[in-house]
Structure formats: C-alpha cells, structure tokens
PDB file of N, CA and C in Angstrom:
ATOM      1  N   MET A   1     -10.807   5.212   7.855  1.00  0.00           N
ATOM      2  CA  MET A   1     -10.466   3.796   7.925  1.00  0.00           C
ATOM      3  C   MET A   1      -9.293   3.613   8.885  1.00  0.00           C
ATOM      4  N   GLU A   2      -9.393   2.621   9.722  1.00  0.00           N
ATOM      5  CA  GLU A   2      -8.380   2.374  10.754  1.00  0.00           C
ATOM      6  C   GLU A   2      -7.379   1.328  10.264  1.00  0.00           C
ATOM      7  N   LEU A   3      -6.099   1.708  10.250  1.00  0.00           N
ATOM      8  CA  LEU A   3      -5.031   0.796   9.841  1.00  0.00           C
ATOM      9  C   LEU A   3      -4.025   0.645  10.974  1.00  0.00           C
ATOM     10  N   LYS A   4      -3.425  -0.535  11.054  1.00  0.00           N
ATOM     11  CA  LYS A   4      -2.351  -0.745  12.026  1.00  0.00           C
ATOM     12  C   LYS A   4      -1.076  -0.096  11.509  1.00  0.00           C
ATOM     13  N   LEU A   5      -0.146   0.154  12.406  1.00  0.00           N
ATOM     14  CA  LEU A   5       1.158   0.650  11.975  1.00  0.00           C
ATOM     15  C   LEU A   5       2.075  -0.486  11.581  1.00  0.00           C
ATOM     16  N   PHE A   6       2.061  -1.562  12.364  1.00  0.00           N
ATOM     17  CA  PHE A   6       2.976  -2.673  12.130  1.00  0.00           C
ATOM     18  C   PHE A   6       2.185  -3.963  11.942  1.00  0.00           C
ATOM     19  N   TYR A   7       2.537  -4.714  10.918  1.00  0.00           N
ATOM     20  CA  TYR A   7       1.842  -5.959  10.597  1.00  0.00           C
ATOM     21  C   TYR A   7       2.741  -7.146  10.882  1.00  0.00           C
ATOM     22  N   ARG A   8       2.098  -8.236  11.304  1.00  0.00           N
ATOM     23  CA  ARG A   8       2.833  -9.434  11.666  1.00  0.00           C
ATOM     24  C   ARG A   8       3.262 -10.216  10.427  1.00  0.00           C
ATOM     25  N   THR A   9       2.380 -10.295   9.436  1.00  0.00           N
ATOM     26  CA  THR A   9       2.687 -11.078   8.242  1.00  0.00           C
ATOM     27  C   THR A   9       2.419 -10.273   6.973  1.00  0.00           C
ATOM     28  N   GLN A  10       2.987 -10.745   5.882  1.00  0.00           N
ATOM     29  CA  GLN A  10       2.741 -10.123   4.584  1.00  0.00           C
ATOM     30  C   GLN A  10       1.268 -10.249   4.200  1.00  0.00           C
ATOM     31  N   ARG A  11       0.663 -11.357   4.562  1.00  0.00           N
ATOM     32  CA  ARG A  11      -0.744 -11.595   4.236  1.00  0.00           C
ATOM     33  C   ARG A  11      -1.650 -10.582   4.950  1.00  0.00           C
ATOM     34  N   ASP A  12      -1.384 -10.324   6.221  1.00  0.00           N
ATOM     35  CA  ASP A  12      -2.165  -9.328   6.966  1.00  0.00           C
ATOM     36  C   ASP A  12      -2.029  -7.945   6.333  1.00  0.00           C
ATOM     37  N   LEU A  13      -0.812  -7.615   5.942  1.00  0.00           N
ATOM     38  CA  LEU A  13      -0.551  -6.338   5.285  1.00  0.00           C
ATOM     39  C   LEU A  13      -1.321  -6.245   3.967  1.00  0.00           C
ATOM     40  N   ALA A  14      -1.296  -7.303   3.183  1.00  0.00           N
ATOM     41  CA  ALA A  14      -1.986  -7.321   1.887  1.00  0.00           C
ATOM     42  C   ALA A  14      -3.498  -7.171   2.054  1.00  0.00           C
ATOM     43  N   ILE A  15      -4.056  -7.798   3.079  1.00  0.00           N
ATOM     44  CA  ILE A  15      -5.501  -7.711   3.320  1.00  0.00           C
ATOM     45  C   ILE A  15      -5.910  -6.263   3.585  1.00  0.00           C
ATOM     46  N   ASP A  16      -5.157  -5.565   4.429  1.00  0.00           N
ATOM     47  CA  ASP A  16      -5.498  -4.174   4.714  1.00  0.00           C
ATOM     48  C   ASP A  16      -5.204  -3.258   3.533  1.00  0.00           C
ATOM     49  N   LEU A  17      -4.205  -3.577   2.764  1.00  0.00           N
ATOM     50  CA  LEU A  17      -3.914  -2.812   1.553  1.00  0.00           C
ATOM     51  C   LEU A  17      -5.091  -2.941   0.575  1.00  0.00           C
ATOM     52  N   ASN A  18      -5.625  -4.150   0.453  1.00  0.00           N
ATOM     53  CA  ASN A  18      -6.798  -4.371  -0.394  1.00  0.00           C
ATOM     54  C   ASN A  18      -7.990  -3.555   0.100  1.00  0.00           C
ATOM     55  N   LYS A  19      -8.226  -3.577   1.401  1.00  0.00           N
ATOM     56  CA  LYS A  19      -9.345  -2.813   1.966  1.00  0.00           C
ATOM     57  C   LYS A  19      -9.192  -1.331   1.674  1.00  0.00           C
ATOM     58  N   LEU A  20      -7.973  -0.836   1.797  1.00  0.00           N
ATOM     59  CA  LEU A  20      -7.696   0.580   1.576  1.00  0.00           C
ATOM     60  C   LEU A  20      -7.985   0.983   0.130  1.00  0.00           C
ATOM     61  N   VAL A  21      -7.435   0.247  -0.821  1.00  0.00           N
ATOM     62  CA  VAL A  21      -7.636   0.572  -2.238  1.00  0.00           C
ATOM     63  C   VAL A  21      -9.106   0.377  -2.625  1.00  0.00           C
ATOM     64  N   ASP A  22      -9.728  -0.702  -2.156  1.00  0.00           N
ATOM     65  CA  ASP A  22     -11.137  -0.942  -2.476  1.00  0.00           C
ATOM     66  C   ASP A  22     -12.034   0.158  -1.910  1.00  0.00           C
ATOM     67  N   SER A  23     -11.727   0.636  -0.718  1.00  0.00           N
ATOM     68  CA  SER A  23     -12.504   1.732  -0.125  1.00  0.00           C
ATOM     69  C   SER A  23     -12.405   2.986  -0.992  1.00  0.00           C
ATOM     70  N   TYR A  24     -11.228   3.232  -1.521  1.00  0.00           N
ATOM     71  CA  TYR A  24     -11.042   4.385  -2.403  1.00  0.00           C
ATOM     72  C   TYR A  24     -11.859   4.205  -3.685  1.00  0.00           C
ATOM     73  N   TRP A  25     -11.791   3.026  -4.288  1.00  0.00           N
ATOM     74  CA  TRP A  25     -12.525   2.768  -5.525  1.00  0.00           C
ATOM     75  C   TRP A  25     -14.033   2.866  -5.314  1.00  0.00           C
ATOM     76  N   GLN A  26     -14.508   2.508  -4.100  1.00  0.00           N
ATOM     77  CA  GLN A  26     -15.938   2.589  -3.804  1.00  0.00           C
ATOM     78  C   GLN A  26     -16.330   3.956  -3.254  1.00  0.00           C
ATOM     79  N   GLU A  27     -15.376   4.877  -3.306  1.00  0.00           N
ATOM     80  CA  GLU A  27     -15.563   6.262  -2.880  1.00  0.00           C
ATOM     81  C   GLU A  27     -15.990   6.393  -1.418  1.00  0.00           C
ATOM     82  N   GLU A  28     -15.484   5.473  -0.584  1.00  0.00           N
ATOM     83  CA  GLU A  28     -15.731   5.544   0.854  1.00  0.00           C
ATOM     84  C   GLU A  28     -14.693   6.418   1.545  1.00  0.00           C
ATOM     85  N   ILE A  29     -13.519   6.555   0.920  1.00  0.00           N
ATOM     86  CA  ILE A  29     -12.475   7.426   1.456  1.00  0.00           C
ATOM     87  C   ILE A  29     -11.987   8.365   0.358  1.00  0.00           C
ATOM     88  N   LYS A  30     -11.401   9.454   0.758  1.00  0.00           N
ATOM     89  CA  LYS A  30     -10.881  10.455  -0.188  1.00  0.00           C
ATOM     90  C   LYS A  30      -9.480  10.050  -0.660  1.00  0.00           C
ATOM     91  N   GLU A  31      -9.049  10.703  -1.732  1.00  0.00           N
ATOM     92  CA  GLU A  31      -7.743  10.405  -2.328  1.00  0.00           C
ATOM     93  C   GLU A  31      -6.597  10.629  -1.341  1.00  0.00           C
ATOM     94  N   ASN A  32      -6.656  11.723  -0.575  1.00  0.00           N
ATOM     95  CA  ASN A  32      -5.572  11.996   0.379  1.00  0.00           C
ATOM     96  C   ASN A  32      -5.500  10.940   1.478  1.00  0.00           C
ATOM     97  N   GLU A  33      -6.643  10.358   1.866  1.00  0.00           N
ATOM     98  CA  GLU A  33      -6.635   9.274   2.856  1.00  0.00           C
ATOM     99  C   GLU A  33      -5.958   8.031   2.274  1.00  0.00           C
ATOM    100  N   LEU A  34      -6.228   7.757   1.000  1.00  0.00           N
ATOM    101  CA  LEU A  34      -5.582   6.630   0.321  1.00  0.00           C
ATOM    102  C   LEU A  34      -4.069   6.827   0.293  1.00  0.00           C
ATOM    103  N   ILE A  35      -3.638   8.010  -0.122  1.00  0.00           N
ATOM    104  CA  ILE A  35      -2.207   8.297  -0.244  1.00  0.00           C
ATOM    105  C   ILE A  35      -1.520   8.209   1.113  1.00  0.00           C
ATOM    106  N   ASN A  36      -2.107   8.829   2.130  1.00  0.00           N
ATOM    107  CA  ASN A  36      -1.516   8.778   3.476  1.00  0.00           C
ATOM    108  C   ASN A  36      -1.487   7.355   4.022  1.00  0.00           C
ATOM    109  N   GLY A  37      -2.539   6.594   3.774  1.00  0.00           N
ATOM    110  CA  GLY A  37      -2.595   5.212   4.238  1.00  0.00           C
ATOM    111  C   GLY A  37      -1.516   4.355   3.608  1.00  0.00           C
ATOM    112  N   ILE A  38      -1.349   4.489   2.297  1.00  0.00           N
ATOM    113  CA  ILE A  38      -0.320   3.712   1.592  1.00  0.00           C
ATOM    114  C   ILE A  38       1.067   4.118   2.059  1.00  0.00           C
ATOM    115  N   LYS A  39       1.301   5.424   2.217  1.00  0.00           N
ATOM    116  CA  LYS A  39       2.606   5.894   2.687  1.00  0.00           C
ATOM    117  C   LYS A  39       2.926   5.334   4.065  1.00  0.00           C
ATOM    118  N   ASN A  40       1.948   5.350   4.970  1.00  0.00           N
ATOM    119  CA  ASN A  40       2.161   4.825   6.321  1.00  0.00           C
ATOM    120  C   ASN A  40       2.446   3.329   6.298  1.00  0.00           C
ATOM    121  N   LEU A  41       1.667   2.586   5.518  1.00  0.00           N
ATOM    122  CA  LEU A  41       1.905   1.138   5.413  1.00  0.00           C
ATOM    123  C   LEU A  41       3.308   0.871   4.886  1.00  0.00           C
ATOM    124  N   TYR A  42       3.718   1.625   3.884  1.00  0.00           N
ATOM    125  CA  TYR A  42       5.041   1.432   3.289  1.00  0.00           C
ATOM    126  C   TYR A  42       6.154   1.783   4.278  1.00  0.00           C
ATOM    127  N   GLU A  43       6.039   2.921   4.937  1.00  0.00           N
ATOM    128  CA  GLU A  43       7.096   3.378   5.840  1.00  0.00           C
ATOM    129  C   GLU A  43       7.327   2.435   7.009  1.00  0.00           C
ATOM    130  N   HIS A  44       6.264   1.841   7.524  1.00  0.00           N
ATOM    131  CA  HIS A  44       6.387   1.007   8.717  1.00  0.00           C
ATOM    132  C   HIS A  44       6.522  -0.488   8.408  1.00  0.00           C
ATOM    133  N   ASN A  45       6.280  -0.877   7.174  1.00  0.00           N
ATOM    134  CA  ASN A  45       6.312  -2.309   6.822  1.00  0.00           C
ATOM    135  C   ASN A  45       7.040  -2.551   5.504  1.00  0.00           C
ATOM    136  N   GLN A  46       8.059  -1.763   5.266  1.00  0.00           N
ATOM    137  CA  GLN A  46       8.764  -1.799   3.988  1.00  0.00           C
ATOM    138  C   GLN A  46       9.263  -3.198   3.637  1.00  0.00           C
ATOM    139  N   GLU A  47       9.825  -3.907   4.613  1.00  0.00           N
ATOM    140  CA  GLU A  47      10.399  -5.228   4.345  1.00  0.00           C
ATOM    141  C   GLU A  47       9.333  -6.275   4.022  1.00  0.00           C
ATOM    142  N   LYS A  48       8.093  -6.054   4.449  1.00  0.00           N
ATOM    143  CA  LYS A  48       7.014  -6.995   4.147  1.00  0.00           C
ATOM    144  C   LYS A  48       6.330  -6.659   2.823  1.00  0.00           C
ATOM    145  N   LEU A  49       6.510  -5.449   2.349  1.00  0.00           N
ATOM    146  CA  LEU A  49       5.836  -4.998   1.133  1.00  0.00           C
ATOM    147  C   LEU A  49       6.719  -5.145  -0.111  1.00  0.00           C
ATOM    148  N   ILE A  50       8.000  -4.787   0.013  1.00  0.00           N
ATOM    149  CA  ILE A  50       8.886  -4.772  -1.148  1.00  0.00           C
ATOM    150  C   ILE A  50      10.212  -5.469  -0.826  1.00  0.00           C
ATOM    151  N   LYS A  51      10.623  -6.351  -1.735  1.00  0.00           N
ATOM    152  CA  LYS A  51      11.947  -6.989  -1.659  1.00  0.00           C
ATOM    153  C   LYS A  51      12.547  -6.970  -3.049  1.00  0.00           C
ATOM    154  N   ASN A  52      13.825  -6.653  -3.141  1.00  0.00           N
ATOM    155  CA  ASN A  52      14.532  -6.587  -4.428  1.00  0.00           C
ATOM    156  C   ASN A  52      13.812  -5.683  -5.431  1.00  0.00           C
ATOM    157  N   ASN A  53      13.351  -4.543  -4.942  1.00  0.00           N
ATOM    158  CA  ASN A  53      12.693  -3.524  -5.770  1.00  0.00           C
ATOM    159  C   ASN A  53      11.402  -3.985  -6.450  1.00  0.00           C
ATOM    160  N   GLU A  54      10.748  -5.009  -5.904  1.00  0.00           N
ATOM    161  CA  GLU A  54       9.422  -5.383  -6.393  1.00  0.00           C
ATOM    162  C   GLU A  54       8.581  -5.860  -5.224  1.00  0.00           C
ATOM    163  N   PHE A  55       7.259  -5.866  -5.426  1.00  0.00           N
ATOM    164  CA  PHE A  55       6.370  -6.308  -4.359  1.00  0.00           C
ATOM    165  C   PHE A  55       6.643  -7.767  -4.038  1.00  0.00           C
ATOM    166  N   THR A  56       6.529  -8.125  -2.762  1.00  0.00           N
ATOM    167  CA  THR A  56       6.759  -9.511  -2.363  1.00  0.00           C
ATOM    168  C   THR A  56       5.722 -10.416  -3.033  1.00  0.00           C
ATOM    169  N   LYS A  57       6.053 -11.679  -3.174  1.00  0.00           N
ATOM    170  CA  LYS A  57       5.177 -12.626  -3.880  1.00  0.00           C
ATOM    171  C   LYS A  57       3.814 -12.741  -3.200  1.00  0.00           C
ATOM    172  N   VAL A  58       3.796 -12.795  -1.874  1.00  0.00           N
ATOM    173  CA  VAL A  58       2.530 -12.918  -1.148  1.00  0.00           C
ATOM    174  C   VAL A  58       1.650 -11.701  -1.423  1.00  0.00           C
ATOM    175  N   VAL A  59       2.237 -10.514  -1.380  1.00  0.00           N
ATOM    176  CA  VAL A  59       1.483  -9.291  -1.641  1.00  0.00           C
ATOM    177  C   VAL A  59       0.971  -9.287  -3.085  1.00  0.00           C
ATOM    178  N   GLN A  60       1.804  -9.707  -4.025  1.00  0.00           N
ATOM    179  CA  GLN A  60       1.372  -9.767  -5.428  1.00  0.00           C
ATOM    180  C   GLN A  60       0.175 -10.696  -5.594  1.00  0.00           C
ATOM    181  N   GLN A  61       0.249 -11.868  -4.955  1.00  0.00           N
ATOM    182  CA  GLN A  61      -0.835 -12.847  -5.084  1.00  0.00           C
ATOM    183  C   GLN A  61      -2.114 -12.362  -4.420  1.00  0.00           C
ATOM    184  N   GLN A  62      -2.003 -11.717  -3.276  1.00  0.00           N
ATOM    185  CA  GLN A  62      -3.174 -11.292  -2.518  1.00  0.00           C
ATOM    186  C   GLN A  62      -3.830 -10.042  -3.098  1.00  0.00           C
ATOM    187  N   CYS A  63      -3.026  -9.121  -3.621  1.00  0.00           N
ATOM    188  CA  CYS A  63      -3.555  -7.822  -4.038  1.00  0.00           C
ATOM    189  C   CYS A  63      -3.940  -7.771  -5.512  1.00  0.00           C
ATOM    190  N   GLY A  64      -3.161  -8.374  -6.367  1.00  0.00           N
ATOM    191  CA  GLY A  64      -3.449  -8.329  -7.788  1.00  0.00           C
ATOM    192  C   GLY A  64      -2.829  -7.111  -8.457  1.00  0.00           C
ATOM    193  N   LYS A  65      -2.785  -7.155  -9.780  1.00  0.00           N
ATOM    194  CA  LYS A  65      -2.078  -6.140 -10.566  1.00  0.00           C
ATOM    195  C   LYS A  65      -2.718  -4.759 -10.472  1.00  0.00           C
ATOM    196  N   ARG A  66      -4.046  -4.691 -10.528  1.00  0.00           N
ATOM    197  CA  ARG A  66      -4.705  -3.383 -10.564  1.00  0.00           C
ATOM    198  C   ARG A  66      -4.525  -2.615  -9.264  1.00  0.00           C
ATOM    199  N   ARG A  67      -4.656  -3.307  -8.145  1.00  0.00           N
ATOM    200  CA  ARG A  67      -4.451  -2.627  -6.855  1.00  0.00           C
ATOM    201  C   ARG A  67      -3.000  -2.200  -6.699  1.00  0.00           C
ATOM    202  N   LEU A  68      -2.080  -3.080  -7.064  1.00  0.00           N
ATOM    203  CA  LEU A  68      -0.663  -2.761  -6.915  1.00  0.00           C
ATOM    204  C   LEU A  68      -0.231  -1.644  -7.854  1.00  0.00           C
ATOM    205  N   ALA A  69      -0.915  -1.489  -8.982  1.00  0.00           N
ATOM    206  CA  ALA A  69      -0.619  -0.369  -9.875  1.00  0.00           C
ATOM    207  C   ALA A  69      -0.918   0.955  -9.164  1.00  0.00           C
ATOM    208  N   VAL A  70      -2.014   0.996  -8.407  1.00  0.00           N
ATOM    209  CA  VAL A  70      -2.362   2.195  -7.637  1.00  0.00           C
ATOM    210  C   VAL A  70      -1.315   2.445  -6.559  1.00  0.00           C
ATOM    211  N   VAL A  71      -0.944   1.393  -5.828  1.00  0.00           N
ATOM    212  CA  VAL A  71       0.054   1.514  -4.760  1.00  0.00           C
ATOM    213  C   VAL A  71       1.377   2.006  -5.337  1.00  0.00           C
ATOM    214  N   GLU A  72       1.765   1.458  -6.458  1.00  0.00           N
ATOM    215  CA  GLU A  72       3.025   1.838  -7.090  1.00  0.00           C
ATOM    216  C   GLU A  72       3.026   3.314  -7.482  1.00  0.00           C
ATOM    217  N   LYS A  73       1.918   3.794  -8.022  1.00  0.00           N
ATOM    218  CA  LYS A  73       1.825   5.215  -8.396  1.00  0.00           C
ATOM    219  C   LYS A  73       1.983   6.105  -7.175  1.00  0.00           C
ATOM    220  N   VAL A  74       1.334   5.750  -6.077  1.00  0.00           N
ATOM    221  CA  VAL A  74       1.435   6.551  -4.848  1.00  0.00           C
ATOM    222  C   VAL A  74       2.862   6.549  -4.327  1.00  0.00           C
ATOM    223  N   LEU A  75       3.519   5.410  -4.353  1.00  0.00           N
ATOM    224  CA  LEU A  75       4.895   5.330  -3.859  1.00  0.00           C
ATOM    225  C   LEU A  75       5.858   6.076  -4.765  1.00  0.00           C
ATOM    226  N   GLU A  76       5.593   6.116  -6.062  1.00  0.00           N
ATOM    227  CA  GLU A  76       6.413   6.908  -6.985  1.00  0.00           C
ATOM    228  C   GLU A  76       6.283   8.388  -6.652  1.00  0.00           C
ATOM    229  N   ILE A  77       5.067   8.826  -6.378  1.00  0.00           N
ATOM    230  CA  ILE A  77       4.833  10.215  -5.990  1.00  0.00           C
ATOM    231  C   ILE A  77       5.609  10.528  -4.720  1.00  0.00           C
ATOM    232  N   LYS A  78       5.568   9.598  -3.763  1.00  0.00           N
ATOM    233  CA  LYS A  78       6.261   9.795  -2.496  1.00  0.00           C
ATOM    234  C   LYS A  78       7.767   9.944  -2.721  1.00  0.00           C
ATOM    235  N   GLN A  79       8.337   9.085  -3.554  1.00  0.00           N
ATOM    236  CA  GLN A  79       9.778   9.128  -3.808  1.00  0.00           C
ATOM    237  C   GLN A  79      10.175  10.400  -4.527  1.00  0.00           C
ATOM    238  N   GLU A  80       9.348  10.881  -5.468  1.00  0.00           N
ATOM    239  CA  GLU A  80       9.653  12.119  -6.182  1.00  0.00           C
ATOM    240  C   GLU A  80       9.648  13.305  -5.221  1.00  0.00           C
ATOM    241  N   ASN A  81       8.683  13.327  -4.299  1.00  0.00           N
ATOM    242  CA  ASN A  81       8.596  14.430  -3.343  1.00  0.00           C
ATOM    243  C   ASN A  81       9.763  14.420  -2.366  1.00  0.00           C
ATOM    244  N   SER A  82      10.261  13.258  -2.017  1.00  0.00           N
ATOM    245  CA  SER A  82      11.363  13.188  -1.063  1.00  0.00           C
ATOM    246  C   SER A  82      12.685  13.615  -1.717  1.00  0.00           C
ATOM    247  N   LEU A  83      12.754  13.577  -3.032  1.00  0.00           N
ATOM    248  CA  LEU A  83      13.957  14.007  -3.730  1.00  0.00           C
ATOM    249  C   LEU A  83      14.068  15.532  -3.810  1.00  0.00           C
ATOM    250  N   VAL A  84      12.926  16.188  -3.772  1.00  0.00           N
ATOM    251  CA  VAL A  84      12.901  17.653  -3.904  1.00  0.00           C
ATOM    252  C   VAL A  84      13.342  18.329  -2.628  1.00  0.00           C
TER     253      VAL A  84
END
C-alpha cells in the first residue's frame, strides 16, 4: 500500500489511516506493513495526529474508536521499543 510521507490536512491523514487499518483487517496487508505504516504516519505527521496526548478531534471523528485502538497499540509498542 502506498502512503504519503507528509499530509496537508488532518482529514487527509485520517483517510489514509483508515485505508491502512482496513487493509489489515481485510488481510490485504501483513501485520508488519501495518506497524511500519502507522509508525511512518506518526513520525512525519505527529502534530496532525496527536495534540495534548490524545488524537486530534478530526482524526477521532474520521477514524472511530476501533481503528484508533489499533493505532494506539502500535504507537505504544513503538514508544516501549524506543525506551529500551
């Protein structure tokens, strides 16, 4: 799956985040592709994804709780690995 590095708006970011998680759920991509995709989106678009330690309102509205639960788990894994 092809993802951009930098997104213009929070809405554009949320749309591709949805595609990424949905592709994983439909078994179109492997788990490592999902994890790498989420990490890349987060690293390059941190200010559009998270503010005040929670997902931005636009991202919350566009993605929904179940998708964001997956994203949150991946980002927790990323933070734990960076501490080691």
